[in-house]
Amino acid sequence: MPSLPDLPALRTRLQREGFAFLTANVMRGLLDAPHAFDDWEAFAASWNDLAPDTYLAAQGRHRQRRHATFTIDAEGALQRAPHQPHFQSLEYNPLQGNIQRWFRPIHPAVADGPSLRGILRFSQSLFGALAPEVRAWHVETHQFRIEAKVGEEGEPTPEGRHRDGVDYVLVLMIDRQNIESGTTTIHTADGELLGSFTLVHPLDAALVDDARVFHGVTPVTPLDPDLPAHRDVLVVTFRRADPPA
């Protein structure tokens, strides 16, 4: 668990601005618990075994992903839910909304490992403090690999500037090979730019209050056209599972 003095300051930033960028060193400190990174090498390597996003490929775009759903309560009790589709309404995803999208599940060894479990428990400790009235969260985790090729930009957010239709979002950099750009931008509802930053190093992170701000990521291109190029991220979303009182 992160040390208590760090969470109030981070919570204040999110309450004040609606988003926060955390460097890898800061995230490493927040996640610094016994055995937190015991499986990091295998965890990061699991991005080499994702499956094509066939829904996006049907529209001439390419990315790979896996998906898993969890529940976590206010006390931090975490349980993986039965595999289920990812769903967003057209309001939040005009490109692929109103579709029950089934993706390959995240491997059990990854879902049960200390890296992902530590990330989820950190997220609950932060987001739960922002919404203490919430007793249970519906949590979705997405492994994404965006590949870039010569003449074919990779699109981390093909739907453009958007909200995810949840309460809070964590985007964590896992690996970035031979690419440029991929800058995260944060906006108001009417498009005003509030901030921008680029996730570069493993564990660089973006935190977003999804109800307050919009976010997007610029397309990525290869630095060296003769070498493979990809951007690997973990996206975690928290949505209240219990209705507001």
C-alpha atoms as a PDB file:
ATOM      1  CA  MET A   1       0.000   0.000   0.000  1.00  0.00           C
ATOM      2  CA  PRO A   2       1.239   3.549  -0.697  1.00  0.00           C
ATOM      3  CA  SER A   3       2.335   5.599   2.274  1.00  0.00           C
ATOM      4  CA  LEU A   4      -0.447   7.707   3.714  1.00  0.00           C
ATOM      5  CA  PRO A   5       1.143  11.177   3.187  1.00  0.00           C
ATOM      6  CA  ASP A   6       1.257  10.617  -0.585  1.00  0.00           C
ATOM      7  CA  LEU A   7      -2.414   9.857  -1.112  1.00  0.00           C
ATOM      8  CA  PRO A   8      -3.953  13.100   0.227  1.00  0.00           C
ATOM      9  CA  ALA A   9      -1.680  15.211  -1.993  1.00  0.00           C
ATOM     10  CA  LEU A  10      -2.495  13.136  -5.046  1.00  0.00           C
ATOM     11  CA  ARG A  11      -6.185  13.177  -4.192  1.00  0.00           C
ATOM     12  CA  THR A  12      -6.067  16.969  -3.937  1.00  0.00           C
ATOM     13  CA  ARG A  13      -4.443  17.223  -7.379  1.00  0.00           C
ATOM     14  CA  LEU A  14      -7.177  15.111  -8.937  1.00  0.00           C
ATOM     15  CA  GLN A  15      -9.921  17.043  -7.164  1.00  0.00           C
ATOM     16  CA  ARG A  16      -8.420  20.368  -8.247  1.00  0.00           C
ATOM     17  CA  GLU A  17      -7.422  19.594 -11.846  1.00  0.00           C
ATOM     18  CA  GLY A  18      -9.278  16.439 -12.848  1.00  0.00           C
ATOM     19  CA  PHE A  19      -6.088  14.658 -13.918  1.00  0.00           C
ATOM     20  CA  ALA A  20      -2.496  13.954 -12.879  1.00  0.00           C
ATOM     21  CA  PHE A  21       0.689  12.776 -14.573  1.00  0.00           C
ATOM     22  CA  LEU A  22       2.998  10.668 -12.409  1.00  0.00           C
ATOM     23  CA  THR A  23       6.560   9.780 -13.350  1.00  0.00           C
ATOM     24  CA  ALA A  24       7.792   6.227 -13.050  1.00  0.00           C
ATOM     25  CA  ASN A  25       9.804   7.079  -9.930  1.00  0.00           C
ATOM     26  CA  VAL A  26       6.720   8.437  -8.189  1.00  0.00           C
ATOM     27  CA  MET A  27       4.592   5.457  -9.202  1.00  0.00           C
ATOM     28  CA  ARG A  28       7.292   3.051  -8.102  1.00  0.00           C
ATOM     29  CA  GLY A  29       7.257   4.688  -4.687  1.00  0.00           C
ATOM     30  CA  LEU A  30       3.481   4.536  -4.457  1.00  0.00           C
ATOM     31  CA  LEU A  31       3.515   0.854  -5.377  1.00  0.00           C
ATOM     32  CA  ASP A  32       6.508   0.059  -3.179  1.00  0.00           C
ATOM     33  CA  ALA A  33       5.191  -2.827  -1.115  1.00  0.00           C
ATOM     34  CA  PRO A  34       6.819  -6.188  -0.370  1.00  0.00           C
ATOM     35  CA  HIS A  35       6.870  -8.323  -3.515  1.00  0.00           C
ATOM     36  CA  ALA A  36       5.038  -5.639  -5.547  1.00  0.00           C
ATOM     37  CA  PHE A  37       7.203  -6.240  -8.611  1.00  0.00           C
ATOM     38  CA  ASP A  38       8.177  -9.882  -8.146  1.00  0.00           C
ATOM     39  CA  ASP A  39       6.546 -10.818 -11.453  1.00  0.00           C
ATOM     40  CA  TRP A  40       7.173  -7.571 -13.370  1.00  0.00           C
ATOM     41  CA  GLU A  41       9.349  -9.209 -16.041  1.00  0.00           C
ATOM     42  CA  ALA A  42       6.682 -11.821 -16.817  1.00  0.00           C
ATOM     43  CA  PHE A  43       3.937  -9.216 -16.452  1.00  0.00           C
ATOM     44  CA  ALA A  44       5.499  -6.921 -19.082  1.00  0.00           C
ATOM     45  CA  ALA A  45       6.340  -9.884 -21.337  1.00  0.00           C
ATOM     46  CA  SER A  46       2.657 -10.912 -21.390  1.00  0.00           C
ATOM     47  CA  TRP A  47       2.040  -8.022 -23.823  1.00  0.00           C
ATOM     48  CA  ASN A  48       3.785 -10.222 -26.404  1.00  0.00           C
ATOM     49  CA  ASP A  49       0.828 -12.613 -26.225  1.00  0.00           C
ATOM     50  CA  LEU A  50      -2.157 -10.371 -26.866  1.00  0.00           C
ATOM     51  CA  ALA A  51      -4.834 -11.025 -29.478  1.00  0.00           C
ATOM     52  CA  PRO A  52      -5.941  -8.845 -32.405  1.00  0.00           C
ATOM     53  CA  ASP A  53      -8.789  -6.434 -31.717  1.00  0.00           C
ATOM     54  CA  THR A  54     -11.042  -7.779 -34.468  1.00  0.00           C
ATOM     55  CA  TYR A  55     -13.663  -5.057 -33.945  1.00  0.00           C
ATOM     56  CA  LEU A  56     -11.144  -2.349 -34.750  1.00  0.00           C
ATOM     57  CA  ALA A  57      -9.531  -4.349 -37.555  1.00  0.00           C
ATOM     58  CA  ALA A  58     -12.904  -4.392 -39.322  1.00  0.00           C
ATOM     59  CA  GLN A  59     -12.534  -0.624 -39.678  1.00  0.00           C
ATOM     60  CA  GLY A  60      -9.033  -0.790 -41.110  1.00  0.00           C
ATOM     61  CA  ARG A  61      -7.191  -0.149 -37.837  1.00  0.00           C
ATOM     62  CA  HIS A  62      -4.855  -2.419 -35.896  1.00  0.00           C
ATOM     63  CA  ARG A  63      -4.217  -3.055 -32.222  1.00  0.00           C
ATOM     64  CA  GLN A  64      -3.907  -6.028 -29.892  1.00  0.00           C
ATOM     65  CA  ARG A  65      -5.487  -6.425 -26.480  1.00  0.00           C
ATOM     66  CA  ARG A  66      -6.722  -8.621 -23.642  1.00  0.00           C
ATOM     67  CA  HIS A  67      -9.382  -7.777 -21.069  1.00  0.00           C
ATOM     68  CA  ALA A  68     -10.471  -8.776 -17.566  1.00  0.00           C
ATOM     69  CA  THR A  69     -13.066  -7.560 -15.074  1.00  0.00           C
ATOM     70  CA  PHE A  70     -12.789  -7.422 -11.279  1.00  0.00           C
ATOM     71  CA  THR A  71     -14.795  -6.288  -8.301  1.00  0.00           C
ATOM     72  CA  ILE A  72     -13.142  -4.546  -5.378  1.00  0.00           C
ATOM     73  CA  ASP A  73     -14.822  -3.259  -2.251  1.00  0.00           C
ATOM     74  CA  ALA A  74     -14.097  -0.351   0.073  1.00  0.00           C
ATOM     75  CA  GLU A  75     -11.931  -2.582   2.270  1.00  0.00           C
ATOM     76  CA  GLY A  76      -9.796  -3.613  -0.690  1.00  0.00           C
ATOM     77  CA  ALA A  77     -11.167  -7.147  -1.127  1.00  0.00           C
ATOM     78  CA  LEU A  78     -10.437  -7.991  -4.763  1.00  0.00           C
ATOM     79  CA  GLN A  79     -12.052 -10.718  -6.859  1.00  0.00           C
ATOM     80  CA  ARG A  80     -11.904 -11.494 -10.555  1.00  0.00           C
ATOM     81  CA  ALA A  81     -15.348 -11.556 -12.147  1.00  0.00           C
ATOM     82  CA  PRO A  82     -16.519 -14.072 -14.777  1.00  0.00           C
ATOM     83  CA  HIS A  83     -15.306 -13.151 -18.251  1.00  0.00           C
ATOM     84  CA  GLN A  84     -17.693 -10.696 -19.868  1.00  0.00           C
ATOM     85  CA  PRO A  85     -17.880  -8.253 -22.783  1.00  0.00           C
ATOM     86  CA  HIS A  86     -16.639  -4.693 -22.735  1.00  0.00           C
ATOM     87  CA  PHE A  87     -19.491  -2.273 -23.459  1.00  0.00           C
ATOM     88  CA  GLN A  88     -19.617   1.482 -24.052  1.00  0.00           C
ATOM     89  CA  SER A  89     -22.562   3.515 -25.262  1.00  0.00           C
ATOM     90  CA  LEU A  90     -22.394   5.634 -28.407  1.00  0.00           C
ATOM     91  CA  GLU A  91     -22.305   8.672 -26.133  1.00  0.00           C
ATOM     92  CA  TYR A  92     -18.809   7.703 -25.005  1.00  0.00           C
ATOM     93  CA  ASN A  93     -17.539   5.792 -28.029  1.00  0.00           C
ATOM     94  CA  PRO A  94     -19.065   6.966 -31.322  1.00  0.00           C
ATOM     95  CA  LEU A  95     -16.725   4.627 -33.214  1.00  0.00           C
ATOM     96  CA  GLN A  96     -17.678   1.370 -31.501  1.00  0.00           C
ATOM     97  CA  GLY A  97     -20.479   2.188 -29.095  1.00  0.00           C
ATOM     98  CA  ASN A  98     -23.543   0.044 -28.347  1.00  0.00           C
ATOM     99  CA  ILE A  99     -21.578  -3.136 -29.130  1.00  0.00           C
ATOM    100  CA  GLN A 100     -20.839  -5.943 -26.696  1.00  0.00           C
ATOM    101  CA  ARG A 101     -17.166  -6.464 -27.510  1.00  0.00           C
ATOM    102  CA  TRP A 102     -15.662  -9.763 -26.422  1.00  0.00           C
ATOM    103  CA  PHE A 103     -11.876  -9.836 -26.115  1.00  0.00           C
ATOM    104  CA  ARG A 104      -9.496 -12.610 -25.162  1.00  0.00           C
ATOM    105  CA  PRO A 105      -9.183 -12.809 -21.365  1.00  0.00           C
ATOM    106  CA  ILE A 106      -6.081 -11.735 -19.513  1.00  0.00           C
ATOM    107  CA  HIS A 107      -4.117 -14.837 -18.547  1.00  0.00           C
ATOM    108  CA  PRO A 108      -4.763 -16.050 -14.967  1.00  0.00           C
ATOM    109  CA  ALA A 109      -1.082 -15.837 -14.049  1.00  0.00           C
ATOM    110  CA  VAL A 110      -1.104 -12.147 -15.028  1.00  0.00           C
ATOM    111  CA  ALA A 111      -4.433 -11.373 -13.353  1.00  0.00           C
ATOM    112  CA  ASP A 112      -3.404 -13.116 -10.136  1.00  0.00           C
ATOM    113  CA  GLY A 113       0.160 -11.811 -10.060  1.00  0.00           C
ATOM    114  CA  PRO A 114       1.533  -9.206  -7.650  1.00  0.00           C
ATOM    115  CA  SER A 115       2.080  -6.507 -10.290  1.00  0.00           C
ATOM    116  CA  LEU A 116      -1.524  -6.281 -11.440  1.00  0.00           C
ATOM    117  CA  ARG A 117      -2.958  -6.899  -7.966  1.00  0.00           C
ATOM    118  CA  GLY A 118      -0.752  -4.152  -6.533  1.00  0.00           C
ATOM    119  CA  ILE A 119      -1.805  -1.716  -9.252  1.00  0.00           C
ATOM    120  CA  LEU A 120      -5.478  -2.451  -8.598  1.00  0.00           C
ATOM    121  CA  ARG A 121      -5.173  -2.080  -4.839  1.00  0.00           C
ATOM    122  CA  PHE A 122      -3.290   1.199  -5.206  1.00  0.00           C
ATOM    123  CA  SER A 123      -6.048   2.435  -7.527  1.00  0.00           C
ATOM    124  CA  GLN A 124      -8.725   1.459  -5.019  1.00  0.00           C
ATOM    125  CA  SER A 125      -6.918   3.247  -2.202  1.00  0.00           C
ATOM    126  CA  LEU A 126      -6.734   6.441  -4.275  1.00  0.00           C
ATOM    127  CA  PHE A 127     -10.104   6.399  -6.042  1.00  0.00           C
ATOM    128  CA  GLY A 128     -11.874   5.088  -2.955  1.00  0.00           C
ATOM    129  CA  ALA A 129     -10.615   8.099  -1.011  1.00  0.00           C
ATOM    130  CA  LEU A 130     -12.104  10.372  -3.694  1.00  0.00           C
ATOM    131  CA  ALA A 131     -15.499   8.659  -3.389  1.00  0.00           C
ATOM    132  CA  PRO A 132     -15.719   7.271   0.162  1.00  0.00           C
ATOM    133  CA  GLU A 133     -19.450   6.656  -0.199  1.00  0.00           C
ATOM    134  CA  VAL A 134     -18.813   3.922  -2.794  1.00  0.00           C
ATOM    135  CA  ARG A 135     -18.876   0.462  -1.229  1.00  0.00           C
ATOM    136  CA  ALA A 136     -17.964  -1.555  -4.319  1.00  0.00           C
ATOM    137  CA  TRP A 137     -16.298  -0.881  -7.678  1.00  0.00           C
ATOM    138  CA  HIS A 138     -16.653  -2.487 -11.092  1.00  0.00           C
ATOM    139  CA  VAL A 139     -13.074  -2.568 -12.420  1.00  0.00           C
ATOM    140  CA  GLU A 140     -12.003  -3.289 -15.988  1.00  0.00           C
ATOM    141  CA  THR A 141      -8.408  -3.910 -17.014  1.00  0.00           C
ATOM    142  CA  HIS A 142      -7.187  -3.676 -20.600  1.00  0.00           C
ATOM    143  CA  GLN A 143      -3.830  -4.732 -21.986  1.00  0.00           C
ATOM    144  CA  PHE A 144      -3.206  -2.709 -25.164  1.00  0.00           C
ATOM    145  CA  ARG A 145      -0.467  -2.915 -27.767  1.00  0.00           C
ATOM    146  CA  ILE A 146      -0.532  -0.270 -30.501  1.00  0.00           C
ATOM    147  CA  GLU A 147       1.784  -1.036 -33.412  1.00  0.00           C
ATOM    148  CA  ALA A 148       3.135   1.576 -35.811  1.00  0.00           C
ATOM    149  CA  LYS A 149       4.399   0.953 -39.332  1.00  0.00           C
ATOM    150  CA  VAL A 150       5.780   3.077 -42.144  1.00  0.00           C
ATOM    151  CA  GLY A 151       2.888   4.939 -43.713  1.00  0.00           C
ATOM    152  CA  GLU A 152       0.478   3.537 -41.124  1.00  0.00           C
ATOM    153  CA  GLU A 153       0.321   5.421 -37.845  1.00  0.00           C
ATOM    154  CA  GLY A 154      -0.705   3.591 -34.703  1.00  0.00           C
ATOM    155  CA  GLU A 155      -3.805   5.071 -33.057  1.00  0.00           C
ATOM    156  CA  PRO A 156      -3.925   4.679 -29.268  1.00  0.00           C
ATOM    157  CA  THR A 157      -7.327   6.412 -29.200  1.00  0.00           C
ATOM    158  CA  PRO A 158      -8.964   5.912 -32.619  1.00  0.00           C
ATOM    159  CA  GLU A 159     -12.223   7.320 -31.230  1.00  0.00           C
ATOM    160  CA  GLY A 160     -10.450  10.668 -30.733  1.00  0.00           C
ATOM    161  CA  ARG A 161     -10.843  12.912 -27.712  1.00  0.00           C
ATOM    162  CA  HIS A 162     -13.252  11.096 -25.417  1.00  0.00           C
ATOM    163  CA  ARG A 163     -14.451   9.999 -22.008  1.00  0.00           C
ATOM    164  CA  ASP A 164     -14.702   6.329 -21.080  1.00  0.00           C
ATOM    165  CA  GLY A 165     -18.058   6.517 -19.293  1.00  0.00           C
ATOM    166  CA  VAL A 166     -16.623   5.499 -15.921  1.00  0.00           C
ATOM    167  CA  ASP A 167     -15.593   7.317 -12.736  1.00  0.00           C
ATOM    168  CA  TYR A 168     -11.793   7.104 -12.836  1.00  0.00           C
ATOM    169  CA  VAL A 169      -9.079   5.923 -15.226  1.00  0.00           C
ATOM    170  CA  LEU A 170      -5.462   4.870 -14.742  1.00  0.00           C
ATOM    171  CA  VAL A 171      -3.202   4.546 -17.796  1.00  0.00           C
ATOM    172  CA  LEU A 172       0.149   2.917 -17.047  1.00  0.00           C
ATOM    173  CA  MET A 173       3.062   2.704 -19.475  1.00  0.00           C
ATOM    174  CA  ILE A 174       4.443  -0.817 -19.763  1.00  0.00           C
ATOM    175  CA  ASP A 175       6.801  -0.596 -22.749  1.00  0.00           C
ATOM    176  CA  ARG A 176       7.584   1.777 -25.581  1.00  0.00           C
ATOM    177  CA  GLN A 177       9.764   0.574 -28.435  1.00  0.00           C
ATOM    178  CA  ASN A 178      10.959   2.587 -31.451  1.00  0.00           C
ATOM    179  CA  ILE A 179       8.098   5.078 -31.505  1.00  0.00           C
ATOM    180  CA  GLU A 180       7.658   8.812 -31.348  1.00  0.00           C
ATOM    181  CA  SER A 181       4.715  10.919 -30.246  1.00  0.00           C
ATOM    182  CA  GLY A 182       1.896   9.200 -28.322  1.00  0.00           C
ATOM    183  CA  THR A 183       1.249  12.352 -26.303  1.00  0.00           C
ATOM    184  CA  THR A 184      -1.673  12.279 -23.891  1.00  0.00           C
ATOM    185  CA  THR A 185      -3.876  15.382 -24.022  1.00  0.00           C
ATOM    186  CA  ILE A 186      -6.470  16.456 -21.468  1.00  0.00           C
ATOM    187  CA  HIS A 187      -9.410  18.677 -22.450  1.00  0.00           C
ATOM    188  CA  THR A 188     -12.554  20.323 -21.181  1.00  0.00           C
ATOM    189  CA  ALA A 189     -15.899  19.291 -22.665  1.00  0.00           C
ATOM    190  CA  ASP A 190     -15.698  22.157 -25.174  1.00  0.00           C
ATOM    191  CA  GLY A 191     -12.211  21.155 -26.317  1.00  0.00           C
ATOM    192  CA  GLU A 192      -9.999  23.544 -24.345  1.00  0.00           C
ATOM    193  CA  LEU A 193      -6.582  21.987 -23.734  1.00  0.00           C
ATOM    194  CA  LEU A 194      -5.902  21.605 -20.009  1.00  0.00           C
ATOM    195  CA  GLY A 195      -2.598  19.760 -20.201  1.00  0.00           C
ATOM    196  CA  SER A 196      -0.427  17.328 -22.142  1.00  0.00           C
ATOM    197  CA  PHE A 197       2.345  14.864 -21.338  1.00  0.00           C
ATOM    198  CA  THR A 198       3.963  11.792 -22.856  1.00  0.00           C
ATOM    199  CA  LEU A 199       4.213   8.446 -21.101  1.00  0.00           C
ATOM    200  CA  VAL A 200       7.747   7.299 -21.917  1.00  0.00           C
ATOM    201  CA  HIS A 201       9.157   5.063 -19.184  1.00  0.00           C
ATOM    202  CA  PRO A 202       7.678   1.868 -17.716  1.00  0.00           C
ATOM    203  CA  LEU A 203       5.395   2.913 -14.813  1.00  0.00           C
ATOM    204  CA  ASP A 204       4.842   6.478 -16.086  1.00  0.00           C
ATOM    205  CA  ALA A 205       1.131   6.992 -15.375  1.00  0.00           C
ATOM    206  CA  ALA A 206      -1.870   9.158 -16.156  1.00  0.00           C
ATOM    207  CA  LEU A 207      -4.776   9.443 -13.709  1.00  0.00           C
ATOM    208  CA  VAL A 208      -8.070  10.858 -14.959  1.00  0.00           C
ATOM    209  CA  ASP A 209     -11.350  11.891 -13.331  1.00  0.00           C
ATOM    210  CA  ASP A 210     -13.459  10.690 -16.255  1.00  0.00           C
ATOM    211  CA  ALA A 211     -16.588  12.597 -15.239  1.00  0.00           C
ATOM    212  CA  ARG A 212     -14.750  15.935 -15.394  1.00  0.00           C
ATOM    213  CA  VAL A 213     -12.309  15.842 -18.313  1.00  0.00           C
ATOM    214  CA  PHE A 214     -11.812  14.352 -21.764  1.00  0.00           C
ATOM    215  CA  HIS A 215      -8.592  12.640 -22.843  1.00  0.00           C
ATOM    216  CA  GLY A 216      -6.900  11.447 -26.015  1.00  0.00           C
ATOM    217  CA  VAL A 217      -3.518  10.265 -27.296  1.00  0.00           C
ATOM    218  CA  THR A 218      -1.811  11.413 -30.482  1.00  0.00           C
ATOM    219  CA  PRO A 219      -0.917   8.778 -33.127  1.00  0.00           C
ATOM    220  CA  VAL A 220       2.458   7.043 -32.919  1.00  0.00           C
ATOM    221  CA  THR A 221       4.970   6.546 -35.733  1.00  0.00           C
ATOM    222  CA  PRO A 222       8.210   4.497 -35.973  1.00  0.00           C
ATOM    223  CA  LEU A 223      11.509   6.205 -35.237  1.00  0.00           C
ATOM    224  CA  ASP A 224      13.378   3.656 -37.359  1.00  0.00           C
ATOM    225  CA  PRO A 225      11.205   2.430 -40.244  1.00  0.00           C
ATOM    226  CA  ASP A 226      13.157  -0.818 -40.474  1.00  0.00           C
ATOM    227  CA  LEU A 227      12.451  -1.939 -36.906  1.00  0.00           C
ATOM    228  CA  PRO A 228       9.264  -3.057 -35.116  1.00  0.00           C
ATOM    229  CA  ALA A 229       7.502  -0.266 -33.217  1.00  0.00           C
ATOM    230  CA  HIS A 230       4.883  -0.536 -30.488  1.00  0.00           C
ATOM    231  CA  ARG A 231       3.361   1.183 -27.464  1.00  0.00           C
ATOM    232  CA  ASP A 232       2.191  -1.083 -24.606  1.00  0.00           C
ATOM    233  CA  VAL A 233      -0.076   0.257 -21.872  1.00  0.00           C
ATOM    234  CA  LEU A 234      -2.326  -1.050 -19.139  1.00  0.00           C
ATOM    235  CA  VAL A 235      -5.638   0.809 -18.817  1.00  0.00           C
ATOM    236  CA  VAL A 236      -7.652   0.369 -15.617  1.00  0.00           C
ATOM    237  CA  THR A 237     -11.134   1.860 -15.208  1.00  0.00           C
ATOM    238  CA  PHE A 238     -13.140   2.168 -11.997  1.00  0.00           C
ATOM    239  CA  ARG A 239     -16.932   2.543 -12.094  1.00  0.00           C
ATOM    240  CA  ARG A 240     -19.130   2.460  -9.000  1.00  0.00           C
ATOM    241  CA  ALA A 241     -20.908  -0.860  -8.773  1.00  0.00           C
ATOM    242  CA  ASP A 242     -23.463   0.311  -6.230  1.00  0.00           C
ATOM    243  CA  PRO A 243     -25.970   3.046  -7.140  1.00  0.00           C
ATOM    244  CA  PRO A 244     -25.541   6.449  -5.445  1.00  0.00           C
ATOM    245  CA  ALA A 245     -27.405   6.716  -2.166  1.00  0.00           C
END
